[in-house]
C-alpha atoms as a PDB file:
ATOM      1  CA  MET A   1     -22.985   6.281  21.140  1.00  0.00           C
ATOM      2  CA  ASN A   2     -21.217   9.344  22.554  1.00  0.00           C
ATOM      3  CA  PRO A   3     -20.897  12.152  19.976  1.00  0.00           C
ATOM      4  CA  LEU A   4     -18.636  14.127  22.307  1.00  0.00           C
ATOM      5  CA  SER A   5     -15.953  11.448  21.908  1.00  0.00           C
ATOM      6  CA  GLU A   6     -15.650  11.856  18.129  1.00  0.00           C
ATOM      7  CA  GLY A   7     -12.128  12.473  16.826  1.00  0.00           C
ATOM      8  CA  VAL A   8     -10.493  11.737  20.205  1.00  0.00           C
ATOM      9  CA  ILE A   9      -7.552   9.321  20.579  1.00  0.00           C
ATOM     10  CA  LYS A  10      -8.582   6.986  23.398  1.00  0.00           C
ATOM     11  CA  PHE A  11      -5.529   4.729  23.613  1.00  0.00           C
ATOM     12  CA  HIS A  12      -2.192   5.455  25.270  1.00  0.00           C
ATOM     13  CA  LEU A  13      -0.012   6.617  22.405  1.00  0.00           C
ATOM     14  CA  THR A  14       3.772   6.656  22.273  1.00  0.00           C
ATOM     15  CA  HIS A  15       4.609   8.523  19.093  1.00  0.00           C
ATOM     16  CA  GLU A  16       8.134   9.316  17.888  1.00  0.00           C
ATOM     17  CA  GLU A  17       8.205  12.201  15.456  1.00  0.00           C
ATOM     18  CA  GLY A  18      10.192  11.351  12.349  1.00  0.00           C
ATOM     19  CA  PRO A  19      10.499  11.855   8.607  1.00  0.00           C
ATOM     20  CA  ALA A  20       7.738  11.148   6.112  1.00  0.00           C
ATOM     21  CA  LEU A  21       7.446   7.616   4.802  1.00  0.00           C
ATOM     22  CA  PRO A  22       8.551   6.818   1.246  1.00  0.00           C
ATOM     23  CA  GLU A  23       5.921   7.852  -1.310  1.00  0.00           C
ATOM     24  CA  GLU A  24       5.494   4.363  -2.736  1.00  0.00           C
ATOM     25  CA  ILE A  25       4.274   2.990   0.613  1.00  0.00           C
ATOM     26  CA  SER A  26       1.217   5.246   0.654  1.00  0.00           C
ATOM     27  CA  ALA A  27       0.652   5.695  -3.105  1.00  0.00           C
ATOM     28  CA  GLU A  28      -2.299   3.292  -3.387  1.00  0.00           C
ATOM     29  CA  LEU A  29      -3.938   4.638  -0.233  1.00  0.00           C
ATOM     30  CA  ARG A  30      -3.598   8.203  -1.506  1.00  0.00           C
ATOM     31  CA  ALA A  31      -5.338   7.213  -4.741  1.00  0.00           C
ATOM     32  CA  TRP A  32      -8.202   5.528  -2.908  1.00  0.00           C
ATOM     33  CA  PHE A  33      -8.446   8.517  -0.560  1.00  0.00           C
ATOM     34  CA  VAL A  34      -9.364  10.750  -3.518  1.00  0.00           C
ATOM     35  CA  ILE A  35     -12.053   8.309  -4.676  1.00  0.00           C
ATOM     36  CA  LEU A  36     -13.605   7.895  -1.230  1.00  0.00           C
ATOM     37  CA  ARG A  37     -13.361  11.634  -0.537  1.00  0.00           C
ATOM     38  CA  LYS A  38     -15.405  12.366  -3.672  1.00  0.00           C
ATOM     39  CA  LEU A  39     -18.061   9.929  -2.431  1.00  0.00           C
ATOM     40  CA  ALA A  40     -18.091  11.595   1.022  1.00  0.00           C
ATOM     41  CA  LEU A  41     -17.211   8.241   2.610  1.00  0.00           C
ATOM     42  CA  LEU A  42     -14.454  10.138   4.355  1.00  0.00           C
ATOM     43  CA  GLY A  43     -13.993  13.867   4.740  1.00  0.00           C
ATOM     44  CA  GLN A  44     -15.098  16.696   7.008  1.00  0.00           C
ATOM     45  CA  ASP A  45     -18.455  18.418   7.300  1.00  0.00           C
ATOM     46  CA  PRO A  46     -19.359  21.061   9.938  1.00  0.00           C
ATOM     47  CA  ASP A  47     -22.829  19.517  10.172  1.00  0.00           C
ATOM     48  CA  ARG A  48     -21.637  15.952  10.815  1.00  0.00           C
ATOM     49  CA  TYR A  49     -19.841  14.418  13.821  1.00  0.00           C
ATOM     50  CA  LEU A  50     -19.315  17.776  15.570  1.00  0.00           C
ATOM     51  CA  GLY A  51     -17.274  18.965  12.606  1.00  0.00           C
ATOM     52  CA  TYR A  52     -14.465  16.437  13.084  1.00  0.00           C
ATOM     53  CA  ALA A  53     -12.826  14.821  10.068  1.00  0.00           C
ATOM     54  CA  TYR A  54     -13.912  11.211   9.621  1.00  0.00           C
ATOM     55  CA  GLY A  55     -12.510   8.091   7.984  1.00  0.00           C
ATOM     56  CA  ASN A  56      -9.044   6.521   7.831  1.00  0.00           C
ATOM     57  CA  LEU A  57      -7.113   4.085   5.645  1.00  0.00           C
ATOM     58  CA  SER A  58      -4.236   1.686   6.294  1.00  0.00           C
ATOM     59  CA  VAL A  59      -2.034  -0.977   4.719  1.00  0.00           C
ATOM     60  CA  ARG A  60      -0.067  -3.727   6.399  1.00  0.00           C
ATOM     61  CA  THR A  61       3.748  -3.587   6.288  1.00  0.00           C
ATOM     62  CA  LYS A  62       6.456  -6.048   7.316  1.00  0.00           C
ATOM     63  CA  ASP A  63       6.827  -4.410  10.720  1.00  0.00           C
ATOM     64  CA  GLY A  64       3.292  -3.201  11.441  1.00  0.00           C
ATOM     65  CA  PHE A  65       0.996  -1.035   9.376  1.00  0.00           C
ATOM     66  CA  VAL A  66       0.850   2.429   7.828  1.00  0.00           C
ATOM     67  CA  ILE A  67      -2.252   4.535   8.520  1.00  0.00           C
ATOM     68  CA  THR A  68      -3.530   8.007   7.766  1.00  0.00           C
ATOM     69  CA  CYS A  69      -2.783  10.495  10.526  1.00  0.00           C
ATOM     70  CA  THR A  70      -5.418  11.816  12.882  1.00  0.00           C
ATOM     71  CA  GLN A  71      -7.786  14.439  11.451  1.00  0.00           C
ATOM     72  CA  THR A  72      -6.370  14.401   7.919  1.00  0.00           C
ATOM     73  CA  SER A  73      -9.539  13.320   6.104  1.00  0.00           C
ATOM     74  CA  GLY A  74     -10.733  16.878   5.685  1.00  0.00           C
ATOM     75  CA  LYS A  75      -8.056  17.445   3.067  1.00  0.00           C
ATOM     76  CA  SER A  76      -8.822  17.071  -0.627  1.00  0.00           C
ATOM     77  CA  THR A  77      -5.678  15.006  -1.208  1.00  0.00           C
ATOM     78  CA  LEU A  78      -2.968  13.492   0.972  1.00  0.00           C
ATOM     79  CA  THR A  79       0.812  13.477   0.739  1.00  0.00           C
ATOM     80  CA  GLN A  80       3.342  11.123   2.327  1.00  0.00           C
ATOM     81  CA  GLU A  81       3.455  13.638   5.216  1.00  0.00           C
ATOM     82  CA  ASP A  82      -0.061  12.549   6.228  1.00  0.00           C
ATOM     83  CA  PHE A  83       0.782   8.975   7.247  1.00  0.00           C
ATOM     84  CA  ALA A  84       2.154   7.345  10.384  1.00  0.00           C
ATOM     85  CA  ARG A  85       3.699   3.913  10.838  1.00  0.00           C
ATOM     86  CA  VAL A  86       2.315   1.830  13.704  1.00  0.00           C
ATOM     87  CA  THR A  87       5.100  -0.443  14.904  1.00  0.00           C
ATOM     88  CA  ALA A  88       3.334  -2.096  17.847  1.00  0.00           C
ATOM     89  CA  PHE A  89       0.000  -2.172  19.644  1.00  0.00           C
ATOM     90  CA  HIS A  90      -1.219  -3.901  22.783  1.00  0.00           C
ATOM     91  CA  ILE A  91      -4.974  -4.196  23.014  1.00  0.00           C
ATOM     92  CA  GLN A  92      -5.248  -5.298  26.644  1.00  0.00           C
ATOM     93  CA  ASP A  93      -2.964  -2.467  27.784  1.00  0.00           C
ATOM     94  CA  ASN A  94      -4.725  -0.014  25.439  1.00  0.00           C
ATOM     95  CA  ARG A  95      -1.320   1.094  24.177  1.00  0.00           C
ATOM     96  CA  LEU A  96      -0.015   1.871  20.702  1.00  0.00           C
ATOM     97  CA  ILE A  97       3.452   2.815  19.420  1.00  0.00           C
ATOM     98  CA  SER A  98       3.985   4.787  16.227  1.00  0.00           C
ATOM     99  CA  GLU A  99       6.422   6.959  14.315  1.00  0.00           C
ATOM    100  CA  GLY A 100       6.286   9.513  11.540  1.00  0.00           C
ATOM    101  CA  PRO A 101       5.509  13.182  10.899  1.00  0.00           C
ATOM    102  CA  CYS A 102       2.116  13.095  12.685  1.00  0.00           C
ATOM    103  CA  PRO A 103       0.165  10.900  15.141  1.00  0.00           C
ATOM    104  CA  PRO A 104      -1.957   8.048  13.730  1.00  0.00           C
ATOM    105  CA  SER A 105      -5.739   8.040  13.430  1.00  0.00           C
ATOM    106  CA  SER A 106      -7.823   7.585  16.558  1.00  0.00           C
ATOM    107  CA  GLU A 107      -9.095   4.379  14.925  1.00  0.00           C
ATOM    108  CA  ALA A 108      -5.605   2.849  14.673  1.00  0.00           C
ATOM    109  CA  MET A 109      -6.379   0.255  17.344  1.00  0.00           C
ATOM    110  CA  THR A 110      -9.368  -1.013  15.351  1.00  0.00           C
ATOM    111  CA  HIS A 111      -7.181  -1.363  12.254  1.00  0.00           C
ATOM    112  CA  GLY A 112      -4.670  -3.299  14.338  1.00  0.00           C
ATOM    113  CA  ALA A 113      -7.437  -5.591  15.562  1.00  0.00           C
ATOM    114  CA  VAL A 114      -8.378  -6.475  11.970  1.00  0.00           C
ATOM    115  CA  TYR A 115      -4.763  -7.274  11.115  1.00  0.00           C
ATOM    116  CA  GLN A 116      -4.412  -9.366  14.270  1.00  0.00           C
ATOM    117  CA  ALA A 117      -7.610 -11.305  13.607  1.00  0.00           C
ATOM    118  CA  LEU A 118      -6.967 -11.890   9.894  1.00  0.00           C
ATOM    119  CA  PRO A 119      -3.427 -12.691   8.710  1.00  0.00           C
ATOM    120  CA  GLN A 120      -4.754 -12.440   5.138  1.00  0.00           C
ATOM    121  CA  ALA A 121      -5.789  -8.791   5.581  1.00  0.00           C
ATOM    122  CA  GLY A 122      -3.418  -6.420   3.807  1.00  0.00           C
ATOM    123  CA  ALA A 123      -5.488  -3.219   3.913  1.00  0.00           C
ATOM    124  CA  VAL A 124      -8.252  -1.756   6.066  1.00  0.00           C
ATOM    125  CA  PHE A 125     -10.605   1.100   5.175  1.00  0.00           C
ATOM    126  CA  HIS A 126     -12.751   2.741   7.859  1.00  0.00           C
ATOM    127  CA  VAL A 127     -15.362   5.125   6.463  1.00  0.00           C
ATOM    128  CA  HIS A 128     -18.636   6.719   7.455  1.00  0.00           C
ATOM    129  CA  SER A 129     -21.599   5.681   5.320  1.00  0.00           C
ATOM    130  CA  PRO A 130     -25.128   6.347   6.600  1.00  0.00           C
ATOM    131  CA  GLN A 131     -26.495   4.279   3.699  1.00  0.00           C
ATOM    132  CA  ILE A 132     -24.538   1.132   4.566  1.00  0.00           C
ATOM    133  CA  TRP A 133     -24.758   1.602   8.348  1.00  0.00           C
ATOM    134  CA  GLN A 134     -28.519   2.044   8.385  1.00  0.00           C
ATOM    135  CA  ASN A 135     -28.990  -0.981   6.114  1.00  0.00           C
ATOM    136  CA  ALA A 136     -26.447  -3.232   7.819  1.00  0.00           C
ATOM    137  CA  LYS A 137     -28.994  -5.814   8.956  1.00  0.00           C
ATOM    138  CA  ALA A 138     -30.781  -5.858   5.590  1.00  0.00           C
ATOM    139  CA  LEU A 139     -27.426  -6.355   3.893  1.00  0.00           C
ATOM    140  CA  GLY A 140     -26.514  -9.190   6.276  1.00  0.00           C
ATOM    141  CA  LEU A 141     -23.418  -7.397   7.563  1.00  0.00           C
ATOM    142  CA  PRO A 142     -21.958  -8.451  10.902  1.00  0.00           C
ATOM    143  CA  GLU A 143     -22.099  -5.679  13.510  1.00  0.00           C
ATOM    144  CA  THR A 144     -20.248  -4.875  16.711  1.00  0.00           C
ATOM    145  CA  ASP A 145     -22.346  -4.236  19.814  1.00  0.00           C
ATOM    146  CA  ALA A 146     -23.967  -0.788  19.844  1.00  0.00           C
ATOM    147  CA  ALA A 147     -22.769  -0.243  23.414  1.00  0.00           C
ATOM    148  CA  ILE A 148     -19.098  -0.397  22.420  1.00  0.00           C
ATOM    149  CA  GLU A 149     -17.444   2.890  21.428  1.00  0.00           C
ATOM    150  CA  TYR A 150     -14.758   3.286  18.772  1.00  0.00           C
ATOM    151  CA  GLY A 151     -11.066   3.408  19.606  1.00  0.00           C
ATOM    152  CA  THR A 152     -11.392   1.404  22.834  1.00  0.00           C
ATOM    153  CA  PRO A 153      -9.914  -1.964  23.847  1.00  0.00           C
ATOM    154  CA  GLU A 154     -13.488  -3.269  23.970  1.00  0.00           C
ATOM    155  CA  MET A 155     -13.990  -2.319  20.322  1.00  0.00           C
ATOM    156  CA  ALA A 156     -10.702  -3.930  19.292  1.00  0.00           C
ATOM    157  CA  GLU A 157     -11.603  -7.138  21.102  1.00  0.00           C
ATOM    158  CA  ALA A 158     -15.117  -7.075  19.630  1.00  0.00           C
ATOM    159  CA  VAL A 159     -13.667  -6.715  16.121  1.00  0.00           C
ATOM    160  CA  ILE A 160     -11.308  -9.654  16.665  1.00  0.00           C
ATOM    161  CA  ASN A 161     -14.129 -11.872  17.954  1.00  0.00           C
ATOM    162  CA  LEU A 162     -16.476 -10.794  15.175  1.00  0.00           C
ATOM    163  CA  LEU A 163     -13.980 -11.467  12.365  1.00  0.00           C
ATOM    164  CA  ARG A 164     -12.788 -14.782  13.738  1.00  0.00           C
ATOM    165  CA  ASN A 165     -16.389 -15.983  13.766  1.00  0.00           C
ATOM    166  CA  ASN A 166     -17.365 -14.311  10.489  1.00  0.00           C
ATOM    167  CA  PRO A 167     -14.500 -12.907   8.376  1.00  0.00           C
ATOM    168  CA  ALA A 168     -16.837 -10.805   6.224  1.00  0.00           C
ATOM    169  CA  GLY A 169     -15.140  -8.281   3.947  1.00  0.00           C
ATOM    170  CA  VAL A 170     -17.330  -5.450   5.286  1.00  0.00           C
ATOM    171  CA  PHE A 171     -18.739  -4.979   8.778  1.00  0.00           C
ATOM    172  CA  SER A 172     -20.609  -2.306  10.718  1.00  0.00           C
ATOM    173  CA  MET A 173     -19.525  -0.605  13.944  1.00  0.00           C
ATOM    174  CA  GLY A 174     -22.804  -0.627  15.828  1.00  0.00           C
ATOM    175  CA  GLY A 175     -21.713   1.886  18.480  1.00  0.00           C
ATOM    176  CA  HIS A 176     -19.995   4.297  16.078  1.00  0.00           C
ATOM    177  CA  GLU A 177     -22.493   6.340  14.070  1.00  0.00           C
ATOM    178  CA  ASP A 178     -22.236   5.500  10.340  1.00  0.00           C
ATOM    179  CA  GLY A 179     -18.965   3.610  10.970  1.00  0.00           C
ATOM    180  CA  ILE A 180     -18.206   0.950   8.381  1.00  0.00           C
ATOM    181  CA  VAL A 181     -15.004  -1.085   7.958  1.00  0.00           C
ATOM    182  CA  ALA A 182     -13.844  -2.949   4.855  1.00  0.00           C
ATOM    183  CA  TRP A 183     -10.706  -5.047   4.533  1.00  0.00           C
ATOM    184  CA  GLY A 184      -8.981  -6.915   1.743  1.00  0.00           C
ATOM    185  CA  LYS A 185      -5.736  -8.595   0.813  1.00  0.00           C
ATOM    186  CA  ASN A 186      -4.743  -5.221  -0.654  1.00  0.00           C
ATOM    187  CA  ALA A 187      -6.149  -1.706  -0.939  1.00  0.00           C
ATOM    188  CA  ALA A 188      -7.890  -2.424  -4.245  1.00  0.00           C
ATOM    189  CA  GLU A 189      -9.830  -5.345  -2.774  1.00  0.00           C
ATOM    190  CA  ALA A 190     -10.800  -3.377   0.339  1.00  0.00           C
ATOM    191  CA  GLY A 191     -11.956  -0.458  -1.804  1.00  0.00           C
ATOM    192  CA  CYS A 192     -13.954  -2.620  -4.200  1.00  0.00           C
ATOM    193  CA  ARG A 193     -15.679  -4.428  -1.325  1.00  0.00           C
ATOM    194  CA  LEU A 194     -16.627  -1.088   0.144  1.00  0.00           C
ATOM    195  CA  LEU A 195     -18.004   0.267  -3.139  1.00  0.00           C
ATOM    196  CA  LYS A 196     -19.969  -2.924  -3.705  1.00  0.00           C
ATOM    197  CA  GLY A 197     -21.455  -2.567  -0.218  1.00  0.00           C
ATOM    198  CA  LEU A 198     -22.437   1.029  -0.952  1.00  0.00           C
ATOM    199  CA  ALA A 199     -24.086   0.018  -4.234  1.00  0.00           C
ATOM    200  CA  ARG A 200     -26.080  -2.709  -2.454  1.00  0.00           C
ATOM    201  CA  ALA A 201     -27.139  -0.246   0.259  1.00  0.00           C
ATOM    202  CA  LEU A 202     -28.277   2.297  -2.323  1.00  0.00           C
ATOM    203  CA  GLU A 203     -30.183  -0.470  -4.100  1.00  0.00           C
ATOM    204  CA  LYS A 204     -31.939  -1.340  -0.832  1.00  0.00           C
ATOM    205  CA  GLY A 205     -32.770   2.316  -0.324  1.00  0.00           C
ATOM    206  CA  SER A 206     -34.197   2.657  -3.831  1.00  0.00           C
ATOM    207  CA  ALA A 207     -36.351  -0.444  -3.364  1.00  0.00           C
ATOM    208  CA  SER A 208     -37.635   0.929  -0.066  1.00  0.00           C
ATOM    209  CA  ASN A 209     -38.533   4.267  -1.637  1.00  0.00           C
ATOM    210  CA  LEU A 210     -40.375   2.512  -4.448  1.00  0.00           C
ATOM    211  CA  GLY A 211     -42.341   0.545  -1.895  1.00  0.00           C
ATOM    212  CA  ASP A 212     -43.337   3.731  -0.074  1.00  0.00           C
ATOM    213  CA  THR A 213     -44.816   5.234  -3.223  1.00  0.00           C
ATOM    214  CA  ALA A 214     -46.563   2.103  -4.489  1.00  0.00           C
END
């Protein structure tokens, strides 16, 4: 894990600046953003991750996917100006092509890997949850190798291999502190899977605390 790499786009990005996407494309993501922001599953904290904003959300479209722009999770709410459309990505070449009012999240390649691995995936949520991440093994969540950093071709390939072998709705990014990814056929399913995982992690934590005081 390299904390100095937080918030940095590691792929070769070709981004064409353009108008904001239609509001209806990002409406469901913007609603879930507010919910997850209130739970601190995404956001920005000067005492966490070197102060960088963390977390990103996406939905699949006919010609790619729409994702929150880089370093937008510190906002309290998002508008259609805070989303980019990824039109192509090439994992082996570590290259991504996008358009919109701002560049896509540094985790865009990981989102693309989920969509490539799972044709049934319609939405991907990447959040930071110490509770889920620290209890990943106890919860039986699949994990990527701790030596693999986020936003790299190695991470994208690891995600594809992991999901093809075990298409779990929630998985842990072993080499990305507190990094958790949930996917679903739509944003509602991805969000509900994530919240269920958080509830199970909190339950594990409560049981552990009870055991310590017994």
